[in-house]
Structure formats: structure tokens, C-alpha cells
Amino acid sequence: MTLFDTETGRIEAIEIRLAHQDKMISDLNDVITAQWRKIDLLERQLGRLREELQTLEPQRQSPEPPPPHY
């Protein structure tokens, strides 16, 4: 006779599986939350870099002055 042979054993097995699944869902939620925080940070950094690049763009389009030895 195994744990699953009785009605009580089946209920206990289901409760154990449910507890493990609840823990896994909680852990996965923590990982997803951390990833979204990282994505948000990276998007803000990318936005700042784009702005910085756009401010430098007009300088790049102007002709470069000749070197001092000319």
C-alpha cells in the first residue's frame, strides 16, 4: 500500500504538489519582477544615450577643422 492508495493519501499528495507549485509561481514572479526592473533601467539608459548622441550629431555634421600643421 502506497501513499496514493488511500483517499487521505491522495489529498495529501495533491496538497504537497500544490504547495510546490505555489512556491514555484512565487519564485518565477520574483524573477520576472527583477527582469522588468532591469529592462526599465536599460531602457532609461538607452534613452539618455540617444539624447546624448542627438546632441553630438550636429557637431559631427559640421566640417572637421584642418589639423594644426596646415
C-alpha atoms as a PDB file:
ATOM      1  CA  MET A   1       0.000   0.000   0.000  1.00  0.00           C
ATOM      2  CA  THR A   2       1.466   3.346  -1.064  1.00  0.00           C
ATOM      3  CA  LEU A   3       0.698   6.923  -0.114  1.00  0.00           C
ATOM      4  CA  PHE A   4      -1.663   7.224  -3.072  1.00  0.00           C
ATOM      5  CA  ASP A   5      -3.751   4.164  -2.154  1.00  0.00           C
ATOM      6  CA  THR A   6      -5.979   5.944   0.331  1.00  0.00           C
ATOM      7  CA  GLU A   7      -8.238   8.923  -0.135  1.00  0.00           C
ATOM      8  CA  THR A   8      -6.305  10.807   2.554  1.00  0.00           C
ATOM      9  CA  GLY A   9      -3.031   9.953   0.872  1.00  0.00           C
ATOM     10  CA  ARG A  10      -4.282  11.285  -2.446  1.00  0.00           C
ATOM     11  CA  ILE A  11      -5.393  14.535  -0.847  1.00  0.00           C
ATOM     12  CA  GLU A  12      -2.041  14.908   0.918  1.00  0.00           C
ATOM     13  CA  ALA A  13      -0.200  14.286  -2.355  1.00  0.00           C
ATOM     14  CA  ILE A  14      -2.309  16.953  -4.088  1.00  0.00           C
ATOM     15  CA  GLU A  15      -1.672  19.403  -1.241  1.00  0.00           C
ATOM     16  CA  ILE A  16       2.082  18.761  -1.482  1.00  0.00           C
ATOM     17  CA  ARG A  17       2.066  19.335  -5.239  1.00  0.00           C
ATOM     18  CA  LEU A  18       0.003  22.500  -4.780  1.00  0.00           C
ATOM     19  CA  ALA A  19       2.451  23.834  -2.187  1.00  0.00           C
ATOM     20  CA  HIS A  20       5.389  23.176  -4.526  1.00  0.00           C
ATOM     21  CA  GLN A  21       3.585  24.838  -7.418  1.00  0.00           C
ATOM     22  CA  ASP A  22       2.727  27.876  -5.283  1.00  0.00           C
ATOM     23  CA  LYS A  23       6.400  28.199  -4.325  1.00  0.00           C
ATOM     24  CA  MET A  24       7.488  27.872  -7.954  1.00  0.00           C
ATOM     25  CA  ILE A  25       4.987  30.517  -9.062  1.00  0.00           C
ATOM     26  CA  SER A  26       6.254  32.858  -6.359  1.00  0.00           C
ATOM     27  CA  ASP A  27       9.875  32.269  -7.381  1.00  0.00           C
ATOM     28  CA  LEU A  28       9.065  32.833 -11.057  1.00  0.00           C
ATOM     29  CA  ASN A  29       7.218  36.040 -10.182  1.00  0.00           C
ATOM     30  CA  ASP A  30      10.317  37.271  -8.329  1.00  0.00           C
ATOM     31  CA  VAL A  31      12.479  36.541 -11.369  1.00  0.00           C
ATOM     32  CA  ILE A  32      10.078  38.284 -13.739  1.00  0.00           C
ATOM     33  CA  THR A  33       9.851  41.317 -11.453  1.00  0.00           C
ATOM     34  CA  ALA A  34      13.656  41.584 -11.302  1.00  0.00           C
ATOM     35  CA  GLN A  35      13.887  41.264 -15.090  1.00  0.00           C
ATOM     36  CA  TRP A  36      11.331  44.048 -15.622  1.00  0.00           C
ATOM     37  CA  ARG A  37      13.278  46.310 -13.262  1.00  0.00           C
ATOM     38  CA  LYS A  38      16.442  45.614 -15.251  1.00  0.00           C
ATOM     39  CA  ILE A  39      14.656  46.209 -18.571  1.00  0.00           C
ATOM     40  CA  ASP A  40      13.272  49.509 -17.261  1.00  0.00           C
ATOM     41  CA  LEU A  41      16.748  50.606 -16.159  1.00  0.00           C
ATOM     42  CA  LEU A  42      18.277  49.644 -19.513  1.00  0.00           C
ATOM     43  CA  GLU A  43      15.533  51.468 -21.434  1.00  0.00           C
ATOM     44  CA  ARG A  44      16.165  54.646 -19.419  1.00  0.00           C
ATOM     45  CA  GLN A  45      19.917  54.354 -20.015  1.00  0.00           C
ATOM     46  CA  LEU A  46      19.324  53.822 -23.733  1.00  0.00           C
ATOM     47  CA  GLY A  47      17.091  56.895 -23.848  1.00  0.00           C
ATOM     48  CA  ARG A  48      19.790  59.012 -22.210  1.00  0.00           C
ATOM     49  CA  LEU A  49      22.397  57.694 -24.658  1.00  0.00           C
ATOM     50  CA  ARG A  50      20.121  58.519 -27.597  1.00  0.00           C
ATOM     51  CA  GLU A  51      19.651  62.056 -26.310  1.00  0.00           C
ATOM     52  CA  GLU A  52      23.390  62.448 -25.846  1.00  0.00           C
ATOM     53  CA  LEU A  53      24.042  61.141 -29.354  1.00  0.00           C
ATOM     54  CA  GLN A  54      21.488  63.536 -30.819  1.00  0.00           C
ATOM     55  CA  THR A  55      23.206  66.482 -29.140  1.00  0.00           C
ATOM     56  CA  LEU A  56      26.519  65.350 -30.613  1.00  0.00           C
ATOM     57  CA  GLU A  57      25.087  64.766 -34.106  1.00  0.00           C
ATOM     58  CA  PRO A  58      25.193  68.445 -35.245  1.00  0.00           C
ATOM     59  CA  GLN A  59      28.846  68.621 -34.269  1.00  0.00           C
ATOM     60  CA  ARG A  60      29.643  65.577 -36.402  1.00  0.00           C
ATOM     61  CA  GLN A  61      27.926  67.040 -39.457  1.00  0.00           C
ATOM     62  CA  SER A  62      29.979  70.218 -39.442  1.00  0.00           C
ATOM     63  CA  PRO A  63      33.241  70.042 -41.388  1.00  0.00           C
ATOM     64  CA  GLU A  64      36.166  68.985 -39.324  1.00  0.00           C
ATOM     65  CA  PRO A  65      38.754  71.741 -38.987  1.00  0.00           C
ATOM     66  CA  PRO A  66      42.122  71.033 -40.569  1.00  0.00           C
ATOM     67  CA  PRO A  67      44.870  69.794 -38.289  1.00  0.00           C
ATOM     68  CA  PRO A  68      47.125  72.464 -36.765  1.00  0.00           C
ATOM     69  CA  HIS A  69      50.086  71.665 -39.030  1.00  0.00           C
ATOM     70  CA  TYR A  70      48.286  73.009 -42.173  1.00  0.00           C
END
